[in-house]
Amino acid sequence: MKKFLFVLISLCSFVYAFAAVNINTANTKELETLPSIGPVKAKAIDEYRRENGLFKSKEDIIKVKGIGPATYEKLKNHITVGQANPKLPVATSSSRKPKYAVPATAVSK
């Protein structure tokens, strides 16, 4: 049983190690797991997002102070800019009035 748990934990760690970090949603601790990114650069990425909005492409990370082309080359295979939030259903306009539930006391028996 102990061997099974060890293998399971190892496998989960292995998968996590190869997962790309979404630079639009990662917190500073997650950003620090990237090559060449320490606390100072992680904070700079976070501040850049707050001031300028989300990254549109992976290459946009070069716009962050302290990250240049050499650092980007080390990062490009470890980062992604996937959607920040899953798509929410878009409300469509309709000429129909919304239907409301009728209270139980209003229903005649």
C-alpha atoms as a PDB file:
ATOM      1  CA  MET A   1       0.000   0.000   0.000  1.00  0.00           C
ATOM      2  CA  LYS A   2       2.853   2.389   0.826  1.00  0.00           C
ATOM      3  CA  LYS A   3       4.459   1.742  -2.552  1.00  0.00           C
ATOM      4  CA  PHE A   4       1.177   2.469  -4.310  1.00  0.00           C
ATOM      5  CA  LEU A   5       0.796   5.794  -2.516  1.00  0.00           C
ATOM      6  CA  PHE A   6       4.397   6.709  -3.275  1.00  0.00           C
ATOM      7  CA  VAL A   7       3.894   5.971  -6.983  1.00  0.00           C
ATOM      8  CA  LEU A   8       0.648   7.939  -7.027  1.00  0.00           C
ATOM      9  CA  ILE A   9       2.209  10.975  -5.350  1.00  0.00           C
ATOM     10  CA  SER A  10       5.255  10.778  -7.621  1.00  0.00           C
ATOM     11  CA  LEU A  11       3.054  10.646 -10.697  1.00  0.00           C
ATOM     12  CA  CYS A  12       1.063  13.699  -9.578  1.00  0.00           C
ATOM     13  CA  SER A  13       4.282  15.615  -8.930  1.00  0.00           C
ATOM     14  CA  PHE A  14       5.645  14.591 -12.325  1.00  0.00           C
ATOM     15  CA  VAL A  15       2.548  15.862 -14.137  1.00  0.00           C
ATOM     16  CA  TYR A  16       2.611  19.127 -12.171  1.00  0.00           C
ATOM     17  CA  ALA A  17       6.272  19.694 -13.026  1.00  0.00           C
ATOM     18  CA  PHE A  18       5.494  19.658 -16.746  1.00  0.00           C
ATOM     19  CA  ALA A  19       2.316  21.725 -16.645  1.00  0.00           C
ATOM     20  CA  ALA A  20       2.633  25.157 -18.227  1.00  0.00           C
ATOM     21  CA  VAL A  21       2.049  28.079 -15.880  1.00  0.00           C
ATOM     22  CA  ASN A  22      -0.652  30.489 -17.019  1.00  0.00           C
ATOM     23  CA  ILE A  23       0.999  33.883 -16.571  1.00  0.00           C
ATOM     24  CA  ASN A  24      -2.431  35.550 -16.591  1.00  0.00           C
ATOM     25  CA  THR A  25      -3.770  33.659 -13.588  1.00  0.00           C
ATOM     26  CA  ALA A  26      -0.750  32.421 -11.612  1.00  0.00           C
ATOM     27  CA  ASN A  27      -0.062  33.907  -8.208  1.00  0.00           C
ATOM     28  CA  THR A  28       3.445  35.016  -7.240  1.00  0.00           C
ATOM     29  CA  LYS A  29       4.320  31.653  -5.653  1.00  0.00           C
ATOM     30  CA  GLU A  30       3.346  29.822  -8.844  1.00  0.00           C
ATOM     31  CA  LEU A  31       5.328  32.295 -10.956  1.00  0.00           C
ATOM     32  CA  GLU A  32       8.397  31.661  -8.793  1.00  0.00           C
ATOM     33  CA  THR A  33       8.399  28.023  -9.930  1.00  0.00           C
ATOM     34  CA  LEU A  34       9.400  29.197 -13.417  1.00  0.00           C
ATOM     35  CA  PRO A  35      13.040  29.205 -14.555  1.00  0.00           C
ATOM     36  CA  SER A  36      14.807  32.526 -13.850  1.00  0.00           C
ATOM     37  CA  ILE A  37      11.795  33.925 -11.950  1.00  0.00           C
ATOM     38  CA  GLY A  38      12.353  34.790  -8.316  1.00  0.00           C
ATOM     39  CA  PRO A  39      10.254  36.830  -5.895  1.00  0.00           C
ATOM     40  CA  VAL A  40      11.201  40.191  -7.444  1.00  0.00           C
ATOM     41  CA  LYS A  41      10.328  39.219 -11.025  1.00  0.00           C
ATOM     42  CA  ALA A  42       7.182  37.395  -9.896  1.00  0.00           C
ATOM     43  CA  LYS A  43       6.023  40.577  -8.169  1.00  0.00           C
ATOM     44  CA  ALA A  44       6.888  42.599 -11.299  1.00  0.00           C
ATOM     45  CA  ILE A  45       4.730  40.254 -13.421  1.00  0.00           C
ATOM     46  CA  ASP A  46       1.852  40.595 -10.961  1.00  0.00           C
ATOM     47  CA  GLU A  47       2.146  44.405 -10.939  1.00  0.00           C
ATOM     48  CA  TYR A  48       2.333  44.501 -14.735  1.00  0.00           C
ATOM     49  CA  ARG A  49      -0.955  42.554 -14.959  1.00  0.00           C
ATOM     50  CA  ARG A  50      -2.673  44.910 -12.518  1.00  0.00           C
ATOM     51  CA  GLU A  51      -1.503  48.011 -14.384  1.00  0.00           C
ATOM     52  CA  ASN A  52      -1.790  46.815 -18.003  1.00  0.00           C
ATOM     53  CA  GLY A  53      -4.273  43.959 -18.000  1.00  0.00           C
ATOM     54  CA  LEU A  54      -3.744  40.384 -19.091  1.00  0.00           C
ATOM     55  CA  PHE A  55      -1.021  39.208 -21.433  1.00  0.00           C
ATOM     56  CA  LYS A  56      -2.286  38.621 -24.964  1.00  0.00           C
ATOM     57  CA  SER A  57       0.625  36.382 -25.960  1.00  0.00           C
ATOM     58  CA  LYS A  58       3.494  34.594 -24.242  1.00  0.00           C
ATOM     59  CA  GLU A  59       5.933  37.046 -25.834  1.00  0.00           C
ATOM     60  CA  ASP A  60       4.264  39.967 -24.020  1.00  0.00           C
ATOM     61  CA  ILE A  61       6.097  38.917 -20.853  1.00  0.00           C
ATOM     62  CA  ILE A  62       9.139  40.696 -22.313  1.00  0.00           C
ATOM     63  CA  LYS A  63       7.308  43.973 -21.557  1.00  0.00           C
ATOM     64  CA  VAL A  64       7.744  43.285 -17.826  1.00  0.00           C
ATOM     65  CA  LYS A  65      10.655  45.169 -16.289  1.00  0.00           C
ATOM     66  CA  GLY A  66      13.551  42.764 -15.681  1.00  0.00           C
ATOM     67  CA  ILE A  67      12.476  40.193 -18.264  1.00  0.00           C
ATOM     68  CA  GLY A  68      14.253  40.332 -21.589  1.00  0.00           C
ATOM     69  CA  PRO A  69      14.695  38.078 -24.606  1.00  0.00           C
ATOM     70  CA  ALA A  70      17.180  35.784 -22.829  1.00  0.00           C
ATOM     71  CA  THR A  71      14.795  35.181 -19.922  1.00  0.00           C
ATOM     72  CA  TYR A  72      11.905  34.696 -22.335  1.00  0.00           C
ATOM     73  CA  GLU A  73      13.852  31.960 -24.132  1.00  0.00           C
ATOM     74  CA  LYS A  74      14.119  30.094 -20.818  1.00  0.00           C
ATOM     75  CA  LEU A  75      10.414  30.642 -20.072  1.00  0.00           C
ATOM     76  CA  LYS A  76       8.640  30.139 -23.387  1.00  0.00           C
ATOM     77  CA  ASN A  77       8.175  26.378 -23.028  1.00  0.00           C
ATOM     78  CA  HIS A  78       6.967  26.700 -19.433  1.00  0.00           C
ATOM     79  CA  ILE A  79       4.301  29.395 -19.774  1.00  0.00           C
ATOM     80  CA  THR A  80       0.916  29.898 -21.378  1.00  0.00           C
ATOM     81  CA  VAL A  81      -1.614  32.726 -21.590  1.00  0.00           C
ATOM     82  CA  GLY A  82      -4.729  30.579 -21.751  1.00  0.00           C
ATOM     83  CA  GLN A  83      -8.050  32.052 -20.812  1.00  0.00           C
ATOM     84  CA  ALA A  84      -8.132  33.736 -17.443  1.00  0.00           C
ATOM     85  CA  ASN A  85     -11.684  32.583 -16.821  1.00  0.00           C
ATOM     86  CA  PRO A  86     -13.706  29.950 -18.591  1.00  0.00           C
ATOM     87  CA  LYS A  87     -16.173  31.428 -21.039  1.00  0.00           C
ATOM     88  CA  LEU A  88     -19.390  32.306 -19.372  1.00  0.00           C
ATOM     89  CA  PRO A  89     -22.638  31.983 -21.291  1.00  0.00           C
ATOM     90  CA  VAL A  90     -23.485  35.205 -23.052  1.00  0.00           C
ATOM     91  CA  ALA A  91     -26.916  36.586 -22.339  1.00  0.00           C
ATOM     92  CA  THR A  92     -28.951  37.192 -25.459  1.00  0.00           C
ATOM     93  CA  SER A  93     -31.603  39.832 -25.695  1.00  0.00           C
ATOM     94  CA  SER A  94     -35.110  38.564 -26.100  1.00  0.00           C
ATOM     95  CA  SER A  95     -38.451  40.232 -26.556  1.00  0.00           C
ATOM     96  CA  ARG A  96     -40.097  37.628 -24.309  1.00  0.00           C
ATOM     97  CA  LYS A  97     -40.795  38.522 -20.720  1.00  0.00           C
ATOM     98  CA  PRO A  98     -39.056  36.383 -18.118  1.00  0.00           C
ATOM     99  CA  LYS A  99     -41.167  33.703 -16.471  1.00  0.00           C
ATOM    100  CA  TYR A 100     -41.434  33.767 -12.718  1.00  0.00           C
ATOM    101  CA  ALA A 101     -42.383  31.034 -10.319  1.00  0.00           C
ATOM    102  CA  VAL A 102     -45.843  31.331  -8.876  1.00  0.00           C
ATOM    103  CA  PRO A 103     -45.943  31.223  -5.069  1.00  0.00           C
ATOM    104  CA  ALA A 104     -47.622  28.115  -3.677  1.00  0.00           C
ATOM    105  CA  THR A 105     -50.202  30.224  -1.815  1.00  0.00           C
ATOM    106  CA  ALA A 106     -51.464  31.704  -5.094  1.00  0.00           C
ATOM    107  CA  VAL A 107     -52.254  28.344  -6.651  1.00  0.00           C
ATOM    108  CA  SER A 108     -55.833  27.260  -6.182  1.00  0.00           C
ATOM    109  CA  LYS A 109     -56.591  23.671  -5.255  1.00  0.00           C
END
